Amino acid sequence: MENYKFNEKQINKKYFDDRWVRFAFGLQGHIKSEDLNLGIVEFDKNIRSLTHAHEVDEALYVLGGKGQIDVDGKLIDVKKGDFLFVPKLAEHTIITGDRFRLRIFFVFAGKIHIDY
C-alpha cells in the first residue's frame, strides 16, 4: 500500500435507496481490509431505513443532524456528538424527520459486506 492518507472526498459515494455511503476501509472500502470496516453514511430528511441486522457489532458516531435509531424495538434519539453501540444481530432502523439529515461515522467489528 503506497498511500496511507486520503480525504473523504476521494472516496466514491455508493448510493442505496435510503442513503449514500462512503466506505473508507473494508471489503468495499477505498482501502481494502477484511477486519477493519468503517466509513460515513448520510440519510436524507424524511427517511425510514430498511430494518436490518448484522453478524458483527456496529459502533456509530453522529457527525451531524438529528434523528432516531430503533434498536430491537427501543427508540433512541440521536444528535451530533452522540455515540451508539448496536450489538451483533440486533435489528435496527434509522429514522429522520422533516428538518434534519443524519450523517454518521460507522465502524463494524469484523468482516461485512453491505448490499442493501
PDB file of N, CA and C in Angstrom:
ATOM      1  N   MET A   1       0.852  -1.172   0.000  1.00  0.00           N
ATOM      2  CA  MET A   1       0.000   0.000   0.000  1.00  0.00           C
ATOM      3  C   MET A   1       0.897   1.235   0.000  1.00  0.00           C
ATOM      4  N   GLU A   2       0.692   2.083  -0.945  1.00  0.00           N
ATOM      5  CA  GLU A   2       1.538   3.262  -1.071  1.00  0.00           C
ATOM      6  C   GLU A   2       0.985   4.478  -0.348  1.00  0.00           C
ATOM      7  N   ASN A   3      -0.321   4.633  -0.328  1.00  0.00           N
ATOM      8  CA  ASN A   3      -0.909   5.864   0.178  1.00  0.00           C
ATOM      9  C   ASN A   3      -1.776   5.583   1.405  1.00  0.00           C
ATOM     10  N   TYR A   4      -1.268   5.903   2.571  1.00  0.00           N
ATOM     11  CA  TYR A   4      -1.997   5.655   3.808  1.00  0.00           C
ATOM     12  C   TYR A   4      -3.020   6.739   4.099  1.00  0.00           C
ATOM     13  N   LYS A   5      -2.828   7.912   3.533  1.00  0.00           N
ATOM     14  CA  LYS A   5      -3.699   9.050   3.815  1.00  0.00           C
ATOM     15  C   LYS A   5      -4.557   9.359   2.596  1.00  0.00           C
ATOM     16  N   PHE A   6      -5.823   9.642   2.859  1.00  0.00           N
ATOM     17  CA  PHE A   6      -6.722  10.081   1.803  1.00  0.00           C
ATOM     18  C   PHE A   6      -7.827  10.913   2.435  1.00  0.00           C
ATOM     19  N   ASN A   7      -8.515  11.668   1.621  1.00  0.00           N
ATOM     20  CA  ASN A   7      -9.577  12.551   2.086  1.00  0.00           C
ATOM     21  C   ASN A   7     -10.931  11.922   1.792  1.00  0.00           C
ATOM     22  N   GLU A   8     -11.902  12.235   2.623  1.00  0.00           N
ATOM     23  CA  GLU A   8     -13.268  11.733   2.438  1.00  0.00           C
ATOM     24  C   GLU A   8     -13.763  11.953   1.005  1.00  0.00           C
ATOM     25  N   LYS A   9     -13.454  13.097   0.443  1.00  0.00           N
ATOM     26  CA  LYS A   9     -13.951  13.429  -0.899  1.00  0.00           C
ATOM     27  C   LYS A   9     -13.314  12.572  -1.997  1.00  0.00           C
ATOM     28  N   GLN A  10     -12.235  11.864  -1.672  1.00  0.00           N
ATOM     29  CA  GLN A  10     -11.608  10.954  -2.627  1.00  0.00           C
ATOM     30  C   GLN A  10     -12.336   9.611  -2.705  1.00  0.00           C
ATOM     31  N   ILE A  11     -13.250   9.368  -1.782  1.00  0.00           N
ATOM     32  CA  ILE A  11     -13.982   8.103  -1.739  1.00  0.00           C
ATOM     33  C   ILE A  11     -15.289   8.273  -2.505  1.00  0.00           C
ATOM     34  N   ASN A  12     -15.520   7.417  -3.472  1.00  0.00           N
ATOM     35  CA  ASN A  12     -16.773   7.470  -4.217  1.00  0.00           C
ATOM     36  C   ASN A  12     -17.949   7.148  -3.312  1.00  0.00           C
ATOM     37  N   LYS A  13     -19.043   7.874  -3.514  1.00  0.00           N
ATOM     38  CA  LYS A  13     -20.272   7.580  -2.785  1.00  0.00           C
ATOM     39  C   LYS A  13     -20.951   6.384  -3.438  1.00  0.00           C
ATOM     40  N   LYS A  14     -21.444   5.470  -2.598  1.00  0.00           N
ATOM     41  CA  LYS A  14     -22.268   4.370  -3.084  1.00  0.00           C
ATOM     42  C   LYS A  14     -23.695   4.696  -2.667  1.00  0.00           C
ATOM     43  N   TYR A  15     -24.595   4.735  -3.638  1.00  0.00           N
ATOM     44  CA  TYR A  15     -25.977   5.129  -3.363  1.00  0.00           C
ATOM     45  C   TYR A  15     -26.857   3.905  -3.178  1.00  0.00           C
ATOM     46  N   PHE A  16     -27.677   3.968  -2.130  1.00  0.00           N
ATOM     47  CA  PHE A  16     -28.694   2.967  -1.860  1.00  0.00           C
ATOM     48  C   PHE A  16     -30.043   3.683  -1.885  1.00  0.00           C
ATOM     49  N   ASP A  17     -31.134   2.960  -1.746  1.00  0.00           N
ATOM     50  CA  ASP A  17     -32.469   3.571  -1.805  1.00  0.00           C
ATOM     51  C   ASP A  17     -32.660   4.678  -0.777  1.00  0.00           C
ATOM     52  N   ASP A  18     -32.108   4.502   0.413  1.00  0.00           N
ATOM     53  CA  ASP A  18     -32.409   5.410   1.519  1.00  0.00           C
ATOM     54  C   ASP A  18     -31.210   6.230   2.004  1.00  0.00           C
ATOM     55  N   ARG A  19     -30.029   6.101   1.340  1.00  0.00           N
ATOM     56  CA  ARG A  19     -28.835   6.759   1.862  1.00  0.00           C
ATOM     57  C   ARG A  19     -27.696   6.680   0.852  1.00  0.00           C
ATOM     58  N   TRP A  20     -26.621   7.404   1.166  1.00  0.00           N
ATOM     59  CA  TRP A  20     -25.353   7.180   0.466  1.00  0.00           C
ATOM     60  C   TRP A  20     -24.308   6.811   1.504  1.00  0.00           C
ATOM     61  N   VAL A  21     -23.291   6.082   1.047  1.00  0.00           N
ATOM     62  CA  VAL A  21     -22.230   5.613   1.939  1.00  0.00           C
ATOM     63  C   VAL A  21     -20.879   5.858   1.270  1.00  0.00           C
ATOM     64  N   ARG A  22     -19.918   6.274   2.068  1.00  0.00           N
ATOM     65  CA  ARG A  22     -18.520   6.302   1.644  1.00  0.00           C
ATOM     66  C   ARG A  22     -17.784   5.270   2.497  1.00  0.00           C
ATOM     67  N   PHE A  23     -17.416   4.152   1.889  1.00  0.00           N
ATOM     68  CA  PHE A  23     -16.687   3.099   2.586  1.00  0.00           C
ATOM     69  C   PHE A  23     -15.200   3.445   2.563  1.00  0.00           C
ATOM     70  N   ALA A  24     -14.627   3.764   3.716  1.00  0.00           N
ATOM     71  CA  ALA A  24     -13.211   4.126   3.793  1.00  0.00           C
ATOM     72  C   ALA A  24     -12.326   2.880   3.839  1.00  0.00           C
ATOM     73  N   PHE A  25     -12.628   1.977   4.769  1.00  0.00           N
ATOM     74  CA  PHE A  25     -11.877   0.736   4.929  1.00  0.00           C
ATOM     75  C   PHE A  25     -12.856  -0.424   4.951  1.00  0.00           C
ATOM     76  N   GLY A  26     -12.445  -1.579   4.455  1.00  0.00           N
ATOM     77  CA  GLY A  26     -13.290  -2.765   4.473  1.00  0.00           C
ATOM     78  C   GLY A  26     -13.276  -3.469   3.133  1.00  0.00           C
ATOM     79  N   LEU A  27     -14.087  -4.494   3.020  1.00  0.00           N
ATOM     80  CA  LEU A  27     -14.167  -5.243   1.773  1.00  0.00           C
ATOM     81  C   LEU A  27     -14.598  -4.347   0.617  1.00  0.00           C
ATOM     82  N   GLN A  28     -15.434  -3.344   0.909  1.00  0.00           N
ATOM     83  CA  GLN A  28     -15.914  -2.404  -0.104  1.00  0.00           C
ATOM     84  C   GLN A  28     -15.190  -1.062  -0.021  1.00  0.00           C
ATOM     85  N   GLY A  29     -14.154  -0.994   0.804  1.00  0.00           N
ATOM     86  CA  GLY A  29     -13.526   0.268   1.134  1.00  0.00           C
ATOM     87  C   GLY A  29     -12.558   0.821   0.107  1.00  0.00           C
ATOM     88  N   HIS A  30     -12.263   2.087   0.286  1.00  0.00           N
ATOM     89  CA  HIS A  30     -11.235   2.773  -0.501  1.00  0.00           C
ATOM     90  C   HIS A  30      -9.904   2.047  -0.305  1.00  0.00           C
ATOM     91  N   ILE A  31      -9.652   1.643   0.925  1.00  0.00           N
ATOM     92  CA  ILE A  31      -8.535   0.747   1.236  1.00  0.00           C
ATOM     93  C   ILE A  31      -9.137  -0.577   1.683  1.00  0.00           C
ATOM     94  N   LYS A  32      -8.738  -1.652   1.031  1.00  0.00           N
ATOM     95  CA  LYS A  32      -9.304  -2.975   1.297  1.00  0.00           C
ATOM     96  C   LYS A  32      -8.774  -3.536   2.615  1.00  0.00           C
ATOM     97  N   SER A  33      -9.710  -4.040   3.420  1.00  0.00           N
ATOM     98  CA  SER A  33      -9.380  -4.659   4.699  1.00  0.00           C
ATOM     99  C   SER A  33     -10.488  -5.638   5.042  1.00  0.00           C
ATOM    100  N   GLU A  34     -10.127  -6.799   5.559  1.00  0.00           N
ATOM    101  CA  GLU A  34     -11.153  -7.770   5.946  1.00  0.00           C
ATOM    102  C   GLU A  34     -11.704  -7.499   7.336  1.00  0.00           C
ATOM    103  N   ASP A  35     -10.876  -7.016   8.238  1.00  0.00           N
ATOM    104  CA  ASP A  35     -11.289  -6.923   9.634  1.00  0.00           C
ATOM    105  C   ASP A  35     -11.582  -5.515  10.120  1.00  0.00           C
ATOM    106  N   LEU A  36     -11.176  -4.508   9.374  1.00  0.00           N
ATOM    107  CA  LEU A  36     -11.449  -3.126   9.756  1.00  0.00           C
ATOM    108  C   LEU A  36     -12.411  -2.547   8.727  1.00  0.00           C
ATOM    109  N   ASN A  37     -13.620  -2.226   9.174  1.00  0.00           N
ATOM    110  CA  ASN A  37     -14.661  -1.724   8.286  1.00  0.00           C
ATOM    111  C   ASN A  37     -15.228  -0.442   8.858  1.00  0.00           C
ATOM    112  N   LEU A  38     -15.000   0.663   8.152  1.00  0.00           N
ATOM    113  CA  LEU A  38     -15.551   1.929   8.630  1.00  0.00           C
ATOM    114  C   LEU A  38     -15.794   2.870   7.472  1.00  0.00           C
ATOM    115  N   GLY A  39     -16.657   3.843   7.745  1.00  0.00           N
ATOM    116  CA  GLY A  39     -16.987   4.819   6.718  1.00  0.00           C
ATOM    117  C   GLY A  39     -17.986   5.833   7.228  1.00  0.00           C
ATOM    118  N   ILE A  40     -18.574   6.552   6.280  1.00  0.00           N
ATOM    119  CA  ILE A  40     -19.548   7.593   6.589  1.00  0.00           C
ATOM    120  C   ILE A  40     -20.815   7.308   5.802  1.00  0.00           C
ATOM    121  N   VAL A  41     -21.951   7.459   6.469  1.00  0.00           N
ATOM    122  CA  VAL A  41     -23.248   7.272   5.822  1.00  0.00           C
ATOM    123  C   VAL A  41     -24.095   8.513   6.076  1.00  0.00           C
ATOM    124  N   GLU A  42     -24.905   8.880   5.100  1.00  0.00           N
ATOM    125  CA  GLU A  42     -25.813  10.009   5.294  1.00  0.00           C
ATOM    126  C   GLU A  42     -27.209   9.639   4.817  1.00  0.00           C
ATOM    127  N   PHE A  43     -28.181   9.922   5.694  1.00  0.00           N
ATOM    128  CA  PHE A  43     -29.596   9.725   5.391  1.00  0.00           C
ATOM    129  C   PHE A  43     -30.220  11.094   5.177  1.00  0.00           C
ATOM    130  N   ASP A  44     -31.026  11.231   4.136  1.00  0.00           N
ATOM    131  CA  ASP A  44     -31.704  12.488   3.848  1.00  0.00           C
ATOM    132  C   ASP A  44     -32.847  12.693   4.842  1.00  0.00           C
ATOM    133  N   LYS A  45     -33.546  13.798   4.733  1.00  0.00           N
ATOM    134  CA  LYS A  45     -34.723  14.072   5.564  1.00  0.00           C
ATOM    135  C   LYS A  45     -35.844  13.095   5.202  1.00  0.00           C
ATOM    136  N   ASN A  46     -36.724  12.849   6.174  1.00  0.00           N
ATOM    137  CA  ASN A  46     -37.922  12.013   5.977  1.00  0.00           C
ATOM    138  C   ASN A  46     -37.604  10.603   5.478  1.00  0.00           C
ATOM    139  N   ILE A  47     -36.652   9.970   6.126  1.00  0.00           N
ATOM    140  CA  ILE A  47     -36.241   8.610   5.746  1.00  0.00           C
ATOM    141  C   ILE A  47     -36.512   7.653   6.898  1.00  0.00           C
ATOM    142  N   ARG A  48     -36.980   6.484   6.549  1.00  0.00           N
ATOM    143  CA  ARG A  48     -37.050   5.358   7.481  1.00  0.00           C
ATOM    144  C   ARG A  48     -36.322   4.224   6.769  1.00  0.00           C
ATOM    145  N   SER A  49     -35.144   3.887   7.273  1.00  0.00           N
ATOM    146  CA  SER A  49     -34.323   2.886   6.588  1.00  0.00           C
ATOM    147  C   SER A  49     -34.946   1.499   6.704  1.00  0.00           C
ATOM    148  N   LEU A  50     -34.436   0.627   5.905  1.00  0.00           N
ATOM    149  CA  LEU A  50     -34.782  -0.780   5.993  1.00  0.00           C
ATOM    150  C   LEU A  50     -34.369  -1.291   7.377  1.00  0.00           C
ATOM    151  N   THR A  51     -35.249  -2.009   8.043  1.00  0.00           N
ATOM    152  CA  THR A  51     -34.874  -2.646   9.312  1.00  0.00           C
ATOM    153  C   THR A  51     -33.943  -3.806   8.972  1.00  0.00           C
ATOM    154  N   HIS A  52     -32.802  -3.842   9.657  1.00  0.00           N
ATOM    155  CA  HIS A  52     -31.790  -4.829   9.318  1.00  0.00           C
ATOM    156  C   HIS A  52     -30.959  -5.186  10.545  1.00  0.00           C
ATOM    157  N   ALA A  53     -30.155  -6.221  10.412  1.00  0.00           N
ATOM    158  CA  ALA A  53     -29.238  -6.653  11.470  1.00  0.00           C
ATOM    159  C   ALA A  53     -27.940  -7.107  10.802  1.00  0.00           C
ATOM    160  N   HIS A  54     -26.868  -7.106  11.573  1.00  0.00           N
ATOM    161  CA  HIS A  54     -25.564  -7.524  11.062  1.00  0.00           C
ATOM    162  C   HIS A  54     -25.029  -8.675  11.907  1.00  0.00           C
ATOM    163  N   GLU A  55     -24.128  -9.435  11.328  1.00  0.00           N
ATOM    164  CA  GLU A  55     -23.489 -10.555  12.025  1.00  0.00           C
ATOM    165  C   GLU A  55     -22.363 -10.097  12.942  1.00  0.00           C
ATOM    166  N   VAL A  56     -22.077  -8.796  12.938  1.00  0.00           N
ATOM    167  CA  VAL A  56     -20.993  -8.239  13.751  1.00  0.00           C
ATOM    168  C   VAL A  56     -21.494  -7.007  14.500  1.00  0.00           C
ATOM    169  N   ASP A  57     -20.799  -6.645  15.582  1.00  0.00           N
ATOM    170  CA  ASP A  57     -21.129  -5.422  16.319  1.00  0.00           C
ATOM    171  C   ASP A  57     -20.891  -4.204  15.435  1.00  0.00           C
ATOM    172  N   GLU A  58     -21.653  -3.143  15.725  1.00  0.00           N
ATOM    173  CA  GLU A  58     -21.506  -1.889  14.988  1.00  0.00           C
ATOM    174  C   GLU A  58     -21.463  -0.734  15.978  1.00  0.00           C
ATOM    175  N   ALA A  59     -20.543   0.190  15.761  1.00  0.00           N
ATOM    176  CA  ALA A  59     -20.473   1.413  16.565  1.00  0.00           C
ATOM    177  C   ALA A  59     -20.781   2.587  15.646  1.00  0.00           C
ATOM    178  N   LEU A  60     -21.577   3.527  16.155  1.00  0.00           N
ATOM    179  CA  LEU A  60     -21.976   4.699  15.383  1.00  0.00           C
ATOM    180  C   LEU A  60     -21.589   5.966  16.133  1.00  0.00           C
ATOM    181  N   TYR A  61     -21.194   6.988  15.388  1.00  0.00           N
ATOM    182  CA  TYR A  61     -20.933   8.311  15.946  1.00  0.00           C
ATOM    183  C   TYR A  61     -21.626   9.313  15.032  1.00  0.00           C
ATOM    184  N   VAL A  62     -22.504  10.130  15.596  1.00  0.00           N
ATOM    185  CA  VAL A  62     -23.272  11.081  14.798  1.00  0.00           C
ATOM    186  C   VAL A  62     -22.415  12.316  14.513  1.00  0.00           C
ATOM    187  N   LEU A  63     -22.102  12.500  13.237  1.00  0.00           N
ATOM    188  CA  LEU A  63     -21.294  13.638  12.791  1.00  0.00           C
ATOM    189  C   LEU A  63     -22.130  14.900  12.622  1.00  0.00           C
ATOM    190  N   GLY A  64     -23.406  14.733  12.305  1.00  0.00           N
ATOM    191  CA  GLY A  64     -24.263  15.893  12.092  1.00  0.00           C
ATOM    192  C   GLY A  64     -25.716  15.492  11.974  1.00  0.00           C
ATOM    193  N   GLY A  65     -26.578  16.445  12.299  1.00  0.00           N
ATOM    194  CA  GLY A  65     -28.012  16.222  12.180  1.00  0.00           C
ATOM    195  C   GLY A  65     -28.635  15.646  13.432  1.00  0.00           C
ATOM    196  N   LYS A  66     -29.889  15.253  13.281  1.00  0.00           N
ATOM    197  CA  LYS A  66     -30.662  14.646  14.367  1.00  0.00           C
ATOM    198  C   LYS A  66     -31.538  13.562  13.773  1.00  0.00           C
ATOM    199  N   GLY A  67     -31.903  12.610  14.605  1.00  0.00           N
ATOM    200  CA  GLY A  67     -32.795  11.551  14.159  1.00  0.00           C
ATOM    201  C   GLY A  67     -33.057  10.587  15.289  1.00  0.00           C
ATOM    202  N   GLN A  68     -33.542   9.431  14.906  1.00  0.00           N
ATOM    203  CA  GLN A  68     -33.803   8.372  15.868  1.00  0.00           C
ATOM    204  C   GLN A  68     -33.280   7.066  15.284  1.00  0.00           C
ATOM    205  N   ILE A  69     -32.863   6.197  16.179  1.00  0.00           N
ATOM    206  CA  ILE A  69     -32.447   4.862  15.775  1.00  0.00           C
ATOM    207  C   ILE A  69     -33.199   3.874  16.654  1.00  0.00           C
ATOM    208  N   ASP A  70     -33.951   3.012  16.007  1.00  0.00           N
ATOM    209  CA  ASP A  70     -34.695   1.966  16.702  1.00  0.00           C
ATOM    210  C   ASP A  70     -33.780   0.748  16.774  1.00  0.00           C
ATOM    211  N   VAL A  71     -33.407   0.355  17.987  1.00  0.00           N
ATOM    212  CA  VAL A  71     -32.559  -0.816  18.193  1.00  0.00           C
ATOM    213  C   VAL A  71     -33.366  -1.842  18.972  1.00  0.00           C
ATOM    214  N   ASP A  72     -33.720  -2.936  18.316  1.00  0.00           N
ATOM    215  CA  ASP A  72     -34.522  -4.007  18.926  1.00  0.00           C
ATOM    216  C   ASP A  72     -35.774  -3.474  19.616  1.00  0.00           C
ATOM    217  N   GLY A  73     -36.453  -2.530  18.969  1.00  0.00           N
ATOM    218  CA  GLY A  73     -37.712  -2.005  19.490  1.00  0.00           C
ATOM    219  C   GLY A  73     -37.582  -0.838  20.444  1.00  0.00           C
ATOM    220  N   LYS A  74     -36.360  -0.444  20.783  1.00  0.00           N
ATOM    221  CA  LYS A  74     -36.153   0.713  21.660  1.00  0.00           C
ATOM    222  C   LYS A  74     -35.772   1.909  20.797  1.00  0.00           C
ATOM    223  N   LEU A  75     -36.605   2.957  20.815  1.00  0.00           N
ATOM    224  CA  LEU A  75     -36.377   4.148  20.006  1.00  0.00           C
ATOM    225  C   LEU A  75     -35.438   5.098  20.745  1.00  0.00           C
ATOM    226  N   ILE A  76     -34.302   5.407  20.124  1.00  0.00           N
ATOM    227  CA  ILE A  76     -33.262   6.219  20.754  1.00  0.00           C
ATOM    228  C   ILE A  76     -33.061   7.492  19.939  1.00  0.00           C
ATOM    229  N   ASP A  77     -33.228   8.655  20.586  1.00  0.00           N
ATOM    230  CA  ASP A  77     -32.963   9.936  19.932  1.00  0.00           C
ATOM    231  C   ASP A  77     -31.454  10.131  19.831  1.00  0.00           C
ATOM    232  N   VAL A  78     -30.982  10.573  18.651  1.00  0.00           N
ATOM    233  CA  VAL A  78     -29.556  10.836  18.463  1.00  0.00           C
ATOM    234  C   VAL A  78     -29.361  12.198  17.809  1.00  0.00           C
ATOM    235  N   LYS A  79     -28.217  12.806  18.130  1.00  0.00           N
ATOM    236  CA  LYS A  79     -27.856  14.112  17.560  1.00  0.00           C
ATOM    237  C   LYS A  79     -26.338  14.176  17.449  1.00  0.00           C
ATOM    238  N   LYS A  80     -25.852  15.240  16.819  1.00  0.00           N
ATOM    239  CA  LYS A  80     -24.416  15.428  16.633  1.00  0.00           C
ATOM    240  C   LYS A  80     -23.670  15.236  17.957  1.00  0.00           C
ATOM    241  N   GLY A  81     -22.612  14.428  17.915  1.00  0.00           N
ATOM    242  CA  GLY A  81     -21.792  14.176  19.096  1.00  0.00           C
ATOM    243  C   GLY A  81     -22.138  12.909  19.848  1.00  0.00           C
ATOM    244  N   ASP A  82     -23.253  12.263  19.501  1.00  0.00           N
ATOM    245  CA  ASP A  82     -23.667  11.043  20.198  1.00  0.00           C
ATOM    246  C   ASP A  82     -22.984   9.806  19.621  1.00  0.00           C
ATOM    247  N   PHE A  83     -22.647   8.867  20.515  1.00  0.00           N
ATOM    248  CA  PHE A  83     -22.183   7.534  20.140  1.00  0.00           C
ATOM    249  C   PHE A  83     -23.321   6.555  20.380  1.00  0.00           C
ATOM    250  N   LEU A  84     -23.361   5.482  19.603  1.00  0.00           N
ATOM    251  CA  LEU A  84     -24.361   4.434  19.812  1.00  0.00           C
ATOM    252  C   LEU A  84     -23.726   3.091  19.475  1.00  0.00           C
ATOM    253  N   PHE A  85     -23.946   2.107  20.334  1.00  0.00           N
ATOM    254  CA  PHE A  85     -23.475   0.747  20.103  1.00  0.00           C
ATOM    255  C   PHE A  85     -24.658  -0.100  19.660  1.00  0.00           C
ATOM    256  N   VAL A  86     -24.502  -0.817  18.560  1.00  0.00           N
ATOM    257  CA  VAL A  86     -25.536  -1.731  18.065  1.00  0.00           C
ATOM    258  C   VAL A  86     -24.935  -3.138  18.096  1.00  0.00           C
ATOM    259  N   PRO A  87     -25.401  -3.987  19.030  1.00  0.00           N
ATOM    260  CA  PRO A  87     -24.828  -5.331  19.141  1.00  0.00           C
ATOM    261  C   PRO A  87     -25.115  -6.174  17.896  1.00  0.00           C
ATOM    262  N   LYS A  88     -24.249  -7.147  17.645  1.00  0.00           N
ATOM    263  CA  LYS A  88     -24.490  -8.044  16.518  1.00  0.00           C
ATOM    264  C   LYS A  88     -25.863  -8.693  16.667  1.00  0.00           C
ATOM    265  N   LEU A  89     -26.517  -8.887  15.545  1.00  0.00           N
ATOM    266  CA  LEU A  89     -27.842  -9.492  15.415  1.00  0.00           C
ATOM    267  C   LEU A  89     -28.988  -8.613  15.921  1.00  0.00           C
ATOM    268  N   ALA A  90     -28.699  -7.411  16.427  1.00  0.00           N
ATOM    269  CA  ALA A  90     -29.773  -6.504  16.873  1.00  0.00           C
ATOM    270  C   ALA A  90     -30.426  -5.870  15.644  1.00  0.00           C
ATOM    271  N   GLU A  91     -31.737  -5.973  15.550  1.00  0.00           N
ATOM    272  CA  GLU A  91     -32.450  -5.320  14.455  1.00  0.00           C
ATOM    273  C   GLU A  91     -32.466  -3.821  14.711  1.00  0.00           C
ATOM    274  N   HIS A  92     -32.163  -3.049  13.682  1.00  0.00           N
ATOM    275  CA  HIS A  92     -32.143  -1.599  13.862  1.00  0.00           C
ATOM    276  C   HIS A  92     -32.605  -0.880  12.595  1.00  0.00           C
ATOM    277  N   THR A  93     -33.157   0.313  12.822  1.00  0.00           N
ATOM    278  CA  THR A  93     -33.727   1.148  11.769  1.00  0.00           C
ATOM    279  C   THR A  93     -33.317   2.586  12.040  1.00  0.00           C
ATOM    280  N   ILE A  94     -32.921   3.307  11.001  1.00  0.00           N
ATOM    281  CA  ILE A  94     -32.572   4.725  11.117  1.00  0.00           C
ATOM    282  C   ILE A  94     -33.774   5.544  10.660  1.00  0.00           C
ATOM    283  N   ILE A  95     -34.118   6.578  11.441  1.00  0.00           N
ATOM    284  CA  ILE A  95     -35.293   7.398  11.145  1.00  0.00           C
ATOM    285  C   ILE A  95     -34.896   8.872  11.200  1.00  0.00           C
ATOM    286  N   THR A  96     -35.243   9.611  10.144  1.00  0.00           N
ATOM    287  CA  THR A  96     -35.027  11.058  10.147  1.00  0.00           C
ATOM    288  C   THR A  96     -36.371  11.758   9.988  1.00  0.00           C
ATOM    289  N   GLY A  97     -36.446  12.977  10.494  1.00  0.00           N
ATOM    290  CA  GLY A  97     -37.669  13.768  10.378  1.00  0.00           C
ATOM    291  C   GLY A  97     -37.599  14.707   9.193  1.00  0.00           C
ATOM    292  N   ASP A  98     -38.480  15.699   9.211  1.00  0.00           N
ATOM    293  CA  ASP A  98     -38.558  16.610   8.070  1.00  0.00           C
ATOM    294  C   ASP A  98     -37.616  17.805   8.175  1.00  0.00           C
ATOM    295  N   ARG A  99     -36.862  17.921   9.264  1.00  0.00           N
ATOM    296  CA  ARG A  99     -35.988  19.085   9.445  1.00  0.00           C
ATOM    297  C   ARG A  99     -34.500  18.789   9.307  1.00  0.00           C
ATOM    298  N   PHE A 100     -34.092  17.542   9.553  1.00  0.00           N
ATOM    299  CA  PHE A 100     -32.657  17.252   9.605  1.00  0.00           C
ATOM    300  C   PHE A 100     -32.284  16.006   8.815  1.00  0.00           C
ATOM    301  N   ARG A 101     -31.129  16.070   8.191  1.00  0.00           N
ATOM    302  CA  ARG A 101     -30.469  14.877   7.675  1.00  0.00           C
ATOM    303  C   ARG A 101     -29.724  14.255   8.850  1.00  0.00           C
ATOM    304  N   LEU A 102     -29.198  13.061   8.640  1.00  0.00           N
ATOM    305  CA  LEU A 102     -28.415  12.403   9.680  1.00  0.00           C
ATOM    306  C   LEU A 102     -27.150  11.849   9.035  1.00  0.00           C
ATOM    307  N   ARG A 103     -26.004  12.311   9.526  1.00  0.00           N
ATOM    308  CA  ARG A 103     -24.694  11.907   8.987  1.00  0.00           C
ATOM    309  C   ARG A 103     -23.954  11.158  10.090  1.00  0.00           C
ATOM    310  N   ILE A 104     -23.534   9.933   9.789  1.00  0.00           N
ATOM    311  CA  ILE A 104     -23.000   9.025  10.804  1.00  0.00           C
ATOM    312  C   ILE A 104     -21.668   8.428  10.347  1.00  0.00           C
ATOM    313  N   PHE A 105     -20.713   8.370  11.282  1.00  0.00           N
ATOM    314  CA  PHE A 105     -19.467   7.631  11.111  1.00  0.00           C
ATOM    315  C   PHE A 105     -19.713   6.247  11.699  1.00  0.00           C
ATOM    316  N   PHE A 106     -19.445   5.192  10.945  1.00  0.00           N
ATOM    317  CA  PHE A 106     -19.719   3.837  11.432  1.00  0.00           C
ATOM    318  C   PHE A 106     -18.455   2.986  11.428  1.00  0.00           C
ATOM    319  N   VAL A 107     -18.424   2.033  12.360  1.00  0.00           N
ATOM    320  CA  VAL A 107     -17.342   1.049  12.442  1.00  0.00           C
ATOM    321  C   VAL A 107     -17.975  -0.309  12.696  1.00  0.00           C
ATOM    322  N   PHE A 108     -17.593  -1.292  11.912  1.00  0.00           N
ATOM    323  CA  PHE A 108     -18.030  -2.669  12.132  1.00  0.00           C
ATOM    324  C   PHE A 108     -16.855  -3.472  12.667  1.00  0.00           C
ATOM    325  N   ALA A 109     -17.131  -4.354  13.617  1.00  0.00           N
ATOM    326  CA  ALA A 109     -16.101  -5.202  14.216  1.00  0.00           C
ATOM    327  C   ALA A 109     -16.049  -6.533  13.472  1.00  0.00           C
ATOM    328  N   GLY A 110     -15.315  -6.565  12.377  1.00  0.00           N
ATOM    329  CA  GLY A 110     -15.175  -7.811  11.636  1.00  0.00           C
ATOM    330  C   GLY A 110     -15.595  -7.677  10.188  1.00  0.00           C
ATOM    331  N   LYS A 111     -15.571  -8.784   9.496  1.00  0.00           N
ATOM    332  CA  LYS A 111     -15.837  -8.828   8.063  1.00  0.00           C
ATOM    333  C   LYS A 111     -17.325  -8.614   7.785  1.00  0.00           C
ATOM    334  N   ILE A 112     -17.618  -7.719   6.827  1.00  0.00           N
ATOM    335  CA  ILE A 112     -19.006  -7.446   6.464  1.00  0.00           C
ATOM    336  C   ILE A 112     -19.056  -6.908   5.040  1.00  0.00           C
ATOM    337  N   HIS A 113     -20.145  -7.229   4.354  1.00  0.00           N
ATOM    338  CA  HIS A 113     -20.404  -6.689   3.011  1.00  0.00           C
ATOM    339  C   HIS A 113     -21.818  -6.121   3.025  1.00  0.00           C
ATOM    340  N   ILE A 114     -21.970  -4.862   2.650  1.00  0.00           N
ATOM    341  CA  ILE A 114     -23.275  -4.189   2.644  1.00  0.00           C
ATOM    342  C   ILE A 114     -23.772  -4.130   1.205  1.00  0.00           C
ATOM    343  N   ASP A 115     -24.946  -4.693   0.973  1.00  0.00           N
ATOM    344  CA  ASP A 115     -25.506  -4.663  -0.380  1.00  0.00           C
ATOM    345  C   ASP A 115     -26.993  -4.324  -0.384  1.00  0.00           C
ATOM    346  N   TYR A 116     -27.472  -3.674   0.657  1.00  0.00           N
ATOM    347  CA  TYR A 116     -28.887  -3.284   0.734  1.00  0.00           C
ATOM    348  C   TYR A 116     -29.013  -1.858   1.185  1.00  0.00           C
TER     349      TYR A 116
END
